[in-house]
Structures are given as C-alpha cells and as structure tokens.
N, C-alpha and C. Protein backbone atom coordinates (compact mmCIF):
# COMPACT_ATOMS: atom_id res chain seq x y z
N MET A 1 -105.06 -72.36 80.68
CA MET A 1 -104.94 -71.47 79.28
C MET A 1 -105.41 -69.73 79.87
N LEU A 2 -106.23 -70.26 80.16
CA LEU A 2 -107.50 -68.64 80.19
C LEU A 2 -106.80 -67.62 81.61
N ALA A 3 -106.06 -68.64 82.41
CA ALA A 3 -105.63 -67.86 83.38
C ALA A 3 -104.10 -67.30 82.80
N GLU A 4 -103.17 -68.07 82.24
CA GLU A 4 -102.20 -67.64 81.46
C GLU A 4 -102.24 -66.48 80.38
N ALA A 5 -103.55 -66.40 79.94
CA ALA A 5 -103.88 -64.58 79.03
C ALA A 5 -103.77 -63.69 80.09
N GLY A 6 -104.76 -63.93 81.08
CA GLY A 6 -105.04 -63.35 82.14
C GLY A 6 -103.70 -62.34 82.84
N ARG A 7 -102.82 -63.10 83.54
CA ARG A 7 -101.58 -62.69 83.56
C ARG A 7 -100.85 -62.36 82.95
N ARG A 8 -100.88 -62.54 81.48
CA ARG A 8 -100.21 -62.24 80.85
C ARG A 8 -100.38 -60.23 80.31
N ALA A 9 -102.16 -60.35 80.54
CA ALA A 9 -102.25 -58.93 80.05
C ALA A 9 -102.47 -58.56 81.30
N ASP A 10 -102.18 -59.08 82.56
CA ASP A 10 -102.32 -57.74 84.05
C ASP A 10 -100.60 -57.79 83.69
N PHE A 11 -99.66 -58.14 83.78
CA PHE A 11 -98.53 -57.95 83.53
C PHE A 11 -98.32 -56.79 82.10
N ALA A 12 -98.74 -57.15 81.66
CA ALA A 12 -98.88 -55.99 80.16
C ALA A 12 -99.32 -54.29 80.58
N SER A 13 -100.46 -54.65 81.42
CA SER A 13 -100.80 -53.80 82.04
C SER A 13 -100.04 -52.61 82.74
N THR A 14 -99.66 -53.60 84.03
CA THR A 14 -98.67 -53.38 84.60
C THR A 14 -97.44 -52.55 84.31
N ARG A 15 -97.03 -52.91 82.91
CA ARG A 15 -95.38 -52.76 82.98
C ARG A 15 -96.05 -51.07 81.92
N ALA A 16 -97.29 -51.08 81.30
CA ALA A 16 -97.54 -49.83 80.20
C ALA A 16 -98.08 -48.57 81.51
N THR A 17 -98.38 -49.35 82.67
CA THR A 17 -98.57 -48.53 83.94
C THR A 17 -97.50 -47.66 84.18
N ASP A 18 -96.50 -48.56 84.92
CA ASP A 18 -94.92 -48.39 85.10
C ASP A 18 -94.71 -46.71 84.12
N VAL A 19 -94.63 -47.97 82.70
CA VAL A 19 -93.79 -46.53 81.32
C VAL A 19 -94.32 -45.48 81.78
N VAL A 20 -96.13 -45.26 81.65
CA VAL A 20 -96.44 -44.05 81.54
C VAL A 20 -96.20 -42.69 82.64
N HIS A 21 -95.87 -43.77 84.32
CA HIS A 21 -96.08 -42.97 85.09
C HIS A 21 -94.02 -42.58 85.06
N GLU A 22 -93.36 -43.07 84.75
CA GLU A 22 -91.67 -42.54 85.07
C GLU A 22 -91.66 -41.42 83.87
N ALA A 23 -92.61 -41.57 82.23
CA ALA A 23 -92.26 -40.58 81.75
C ALA A 23 -93.39 -39.51 82.00
N ALA A 24 -94.58 -39.64 82.66
CA ALA A 24 -94.59 -38.04 84.19
C ALA A 24 -93.90 -37.55 84.64
N HIS A 25 -92.93 -38.35 85.15
CA HIS A 25 -91.55 -38.23 86.32
C HIS A 25 -90.76 -37.82 85.49
N ALA A 26 -90.63 -37.83 84.64
CA ALA A 26 -89.08 -37.55 83.59
C ALA A 26 -89.43 -35.69 83.18
N THR A 27 -90.79 -36.02 82.85
CA THR A 27 -91.50 -34.71 82.35
C THR A 27 -91.34 -33.65 83.36
N VAL A 28 -92.03 -34.23 84.84
CA VAL A 28 -92.63 -33.15 85.20
C VAL A 28 -90.63 -32.45 85.67
N LEU A 29 -90.11 -33.54 86.10
CA LEU A 29 -88.52 -33.29 86.49
C LEU A 29 -87.92 -32.04 85.52
N HIS A 30 -87.52 -32.59 84.40
CA HIS A 30 -87.39 -31.45 83.05
C HIS A 30 -88.43 -30.36 83.11
N LEU A 31 -89.56 -30.00 83.38
CA LEU A 31 -90.14 -28.70 83.22
C LEU A 31 -89.90 -27.67 84.38
N ARG A 32 -89.36 -28.52 85.42
CA ARG A 32 -89.30 -27.79 86.97
C ARG A 32 -88.08 -27.13 86.58
N ARG A 33 -87.11 -28.40 86.17
CA ARG A 33 -85.84 -27.38 85.98
C ARG A 33 -85.58 -26.45 84.52
N ILE A 34 -86.54 -26.67 83.71
CA ILE A 34 -86.70 -24.69 82.71
C ILE A 34 -87.19 -24.67 83.03
N VAL A 35 -88.15 -24.23 84.11
CA VAL A 35 -88.95 -23.32 84.85
C VAL A 35 -88.29 -22.63 85.54
N GLY A 36 -87.21 -23.01 86.43
CA GLY A 36 -85.95 -22.96 87.71
C GLY A 36 -85.15 -21.82 86.40
N ALA A 37 -84.50 -22.54 85.69
CA ALA A 37 -83.36 -21.80 84.72
C ALA A 37 -84.56 -20.51 84.12
N LEU A 38 -85.52 -20.34 83.76
CA LEU A 38 -86.46 -19.43 82.83
C LEU A 38 -86.12 -18.48 84.26
N SER A 39 -86.92 -18.96 85.10
CA SER A 39 -87.16 -18.14 86.66
C SER A 39 -85.60 -16.84 87.34
N VAL A 40 -84.37 -17.61 86.81
CA VAL A 40 -82.96 -17.29 87.04
C VAL A 40 -82.74 -15.99 85.77
N ALA A 41 -82.94 -16.49 84.44
CA ALA A 41 -82.45 -15.70 83.50
C ALA A 41 -83.71 -14.16 83.74
N VAL A 42 -85.11 -14.43 84.27
CA VAL A 42 -85.64 -13.16 84.07
C VAL A 42 -85.28 -12.43 85.68
N VAL A 43 -84.90 -12.89 86.53
CA VAL A 43 -83.92 -12.09 88.00
C VAL A 43 -82.95 -11.77 87.38
N ARG A 44 -82.51 -11.99 86.13
CA ARG A 44 -80.80 -11.30 86.06
C ARG A 44 -81.65 -9.96 84.69
N VAL A 45 -82.30 -10.91 84.08
CA VAL A 45 -82.51 -9.86 83.18
C VAL A 45 -83.52 -8.40 83.83
N LYS A 46 -84.14 -8.38 84.56
CA LYS A 46 -84.70 -7.53 85.62
C LYS A 46 -83.34 -6.78 85.98
N ARG A 47 -82.09 -7.35 86.70
CA ARG A 47 -81.31 -6.29 87.55
C ARG A 47 -80.41 -6.32 86.37
N GLU A 48 -80.26 -6.35 85.51
CA GLU A 48 -79.27 -6.00 84.28
C GLU A 48 -80.21 -4.66 83.91
N ALA A 49 -81.37 -4.49 83.63
CA ALA A 49 -82.28 -3.53 82.87
C ALA A 49 -82.24 -1.96 84.07
N GLU A 50 -82.09 -2.86 85.37
CA GLU A 50 -82.59 -1.26 86.19
C GLU A 50 -81.13 -0.80 86.52
N ASP A 51 -79.82 -1.84 85.83
CA ASP A 51 -78.65 -0.98 86.42
C ASP A 51 -78.94 -0.04 84.93
N LEU A 52 -79.09 -0.30 83.68
CA LEU A 52 -78.91 0.25 82.54
C LEU A 52 -79.85 1.48 82.90
N VAL A 53 -80.73 1.13 83.63
CA VAL A 53 -81.56 2.46 83.89
C VAL A 53 -80.46 3.60 84.62
N TRP A 54 -80.16 3.01 85.68
CA TRP A 54 -79.31 3.94 86.73
C TRP A 54 -78.56 4.70 85.93
N ASP A 55 -77.91 3.56 85.42
CA ASP A 55 -76.49 4.04 84.74
C ASP A 55 -76.91 5.43 83.55
N TYR A 56 -78.23 5.46 82.81
CA TYR A 56 -78.98 6.55 81.89
C TYR A 56 -78.98 7.65 82.63
N GLN A 57 -79.78 7.36 84.16
CA GLN A 57 -79.91 8.53 85.33
C GLN A 57 -78.92 9.27 85.47
N ASP A 58 -78.08 8.61 85.93
CA ASP A 58 -76.81 9.20 86.28
C ASP A 58 -75.95 9.99 85.75
N VAL A 59 -76.03 9.44 84.04
CA VAL A 59 -75.45 9.92 82.85
C VAL A 59 -76.52 11.28 82.33
N ALA A 60 -77.28 11.52 82.20
CA ALA A 60 -78.65 12.31 82.48
C ALA A 60 -78.40 13.83 83.27
N GLY A 61 -78.21 12.79 84.82
CA GLY A 61 -77.68 13.81 85.82
C GLY A 61 -76.21 14.74 85.57
N ASP A 62 -75.73 13.94 84.89
CA ASP A 62 -74.26 14.79 84.73
C ASP A 62 -74.63 15.91 83.65
N LEU A 63 -75.37 15.76 82.52
CA LEU A 63 -75.62 16.86 82.06
C LEU A 63 -76.02 17.15 82.32
N ARG A 64 -77.23 17.96 83.28
CA ARG A 64 -78.45 18.22 83.63
C ARG A 64 -77.54 19.41 84.30
N ARG A 65 -76.50 18.54 85.38
CA ARG A 65 -75.63 19.62 86.07
C ARG A 65 -74.70 20.30 85.32
N SER A 66 -74.21 20.20 84.09
CA SER A 66 -73.36 21.35 83.11
C SER A 66 -74.08 22.29 82.78
N ASP A 67 -73.24 23.39 82.92
CA ASP A 67 -74.15 25.08 82.28
C ASP A 67 -74.44 25.06 81.27
N GLY A 68 -74.77 23.93 80.70
CA GLY A 68 -75.95 23.67 79.15
C GLY A 68 -74.80 24.22 77.34
N THR A 69 -73.63 24.51 78.10
CA THR A 69 -72.63 24.77 76.51
C THR A 69 -72.06 23.72 76.33
N GLY A 70 -72.09 22.48 77.82
CA GLY A 70 -71.29 21.95 76.79
C GLY A 70 -69.60 22.08 77.37
N THR A 71 -69.37 22.84 78.59
CA THR A 71 -67.50 23.09 78.57
C THR A 71 -67.54 21.88 79.54
N ASP A 72 -68.58 21.73 80.50
CA ASP A 72 -67.54 21.05 81.43
C ASP A 72 -68.22 19.29 81.64
N LEU A 73 -68.56 18.75 79.91
CA LEU A 73 -68.55 17.37 79.71
C LEU A 73 -66.96 17.13 79.12
N PRO A 74 -66.72 15.63 79.26
CA PRO A 74 -65.56 15.16 79.25
C PRO A 74 -65.89 15.15 77.79
N ASP A 75 -64.39 15.14 77.05
CA ASP A 75 -64.54 14.94 75.65
C ASP A 75 -64.56 13.42 75.11
N VAL A 76 -65.79 13.31 74.41
CA VAL A 76 -66.27 11.88 74.06
C VAL A 76 -65.22 11.21 72.98
N GLY A 77 -64.94 9.90 72.72
CA GLY A 77 -64.55 9.57 71.01
C GLY A 77 -66.16 9.10 70.86
N VAL A 78 -66.77 9.45 69.43
CA VAL A 78 -67.53 8.36 69.07
C VAL A 78 -67.52 7.57 67.95
N VAL A 79 -67.85 6.38 67.77
CA VAL A 79 -67.57 5.85 66.60
C VAL A 79 -69.08 5.93 65.62
N ASP A 80 -68.20 5.95 64.33
CA ASP A 80 -69.40 6.37 63.64
C ASP A 80 -70.09 4.70 62.84
N LEU A 81 -71.03 4.11 62.97
CA LEU A 81 -70.86 2.92 62.68
C LEU A 81 -71.73 2.94 61.37
N ARG A 82 -71.65 3.44 60.74
CA ARG A 82 -72.07 3.76 59.03
C ARG A 82 -70.72 3.71 58.44
N HIS A 83 -69.78 3.60 58.75
CA HIS A 83 -68.71 3.61 57.52
C HIS A 83 -68.43 1.94 57.57
N VAL A 84 -67.58 2.09 57.15
CA VAL A 84 -67.42 0.70 56.07
C VAL A 84 -67.26 -0.85 57.18
N LYS A 85 -68.04 -1.73 57.03
CA LYS A 85 -67.40 -2.70 58.21
C LYS A 85 -65.78 -3.15 58.73
N GLY A 86 -66.08 -3.30 59.73
CA GLY A 86 -64.66 -3.29 60.47
C GLY A 86 -63.99 -2.04 60.70
N SER A 87 -64.41 -0.69 59.85
CA SER A 87 -63.36 0.48 60.37
C SER A 87 -63.73 0.71 61.53
N THR A 88 -62.63 1.27 62.25
CA THR A 88 -62.14 1.76 64.02
C THR A 88 -62.13 3.10 63.43
N ASP A 89 -62.42 3.92 62.81
CA ASP A 89 -62.43 5.23 62.97
C ASP A 89 -63.18 6.13 64.13
N VAL A 90 -62.41 6.98 64.93
CA VAL A 90 -62.74 7.68 66.01
C VAL A 90 -63.06 9.14 65.42
N LYS A 91 -64.08 9.49 65.99
CA LYS A 91 -64.29 11.08 65.42
C LYS A 91 -64.37 11.76 66.58
N LYS A 92 -63.71 12.45 66.78
CA LYS A 92 -64.18 13.55 68.42
C LYS A 92 -65.27 14.43 67.60
N VAL A 93 -66.46 14.73 69.32
CA VAL A 93 -66.56 15.64 69.53
C VAL A 93 -66.67 16.78 69.53
C-alpha cells in the first residue's frame, strides 16, 4: 500500500512537471512571436518616418528654390478642417 502511494505521488509529480514545462514552452513561443511582430512594426515605422522626413525636406527645398514671392509655387488647395464635420469645401490659397 505504501508503494502504491509512492507511485501515485511520483506520477502526480511527473505530470505536474510536464504541465509546467509545456506552459513554459508555449509562453516562450508566443513571446518570440510577439517580439518578432513588434520588431517588424518598429522597422516599418522607422522607414515611414524617414520617408516622411525626406518628403518634408523635398517640399522645403522646393520652397527655398522659389524667388520668395510664391509665384513659382503650384496652386495648392487647402482644406479648412474647422468647418462643419463632413464639409468638403476647398479654399484656394
């Protein structure tokens, strides 16, 4: 009877160890996936931010090349967002 209780305790201990090992494995797997997704997102955000800075620098360069009067600048439509929501009025500058 004592041997039977020992075997049951050993089985329970082995099962608990297996469950903890499986939980740790699943956690590490999901954390690796999360870190991978975040690193991809950070690279994309960095690339988009660099593109945005480049675009702003390109626009600023175009403005510097004009003679200062604005006559060389293209006619740009400006949307006044202070109007009623859903308004599509465009003012010419």
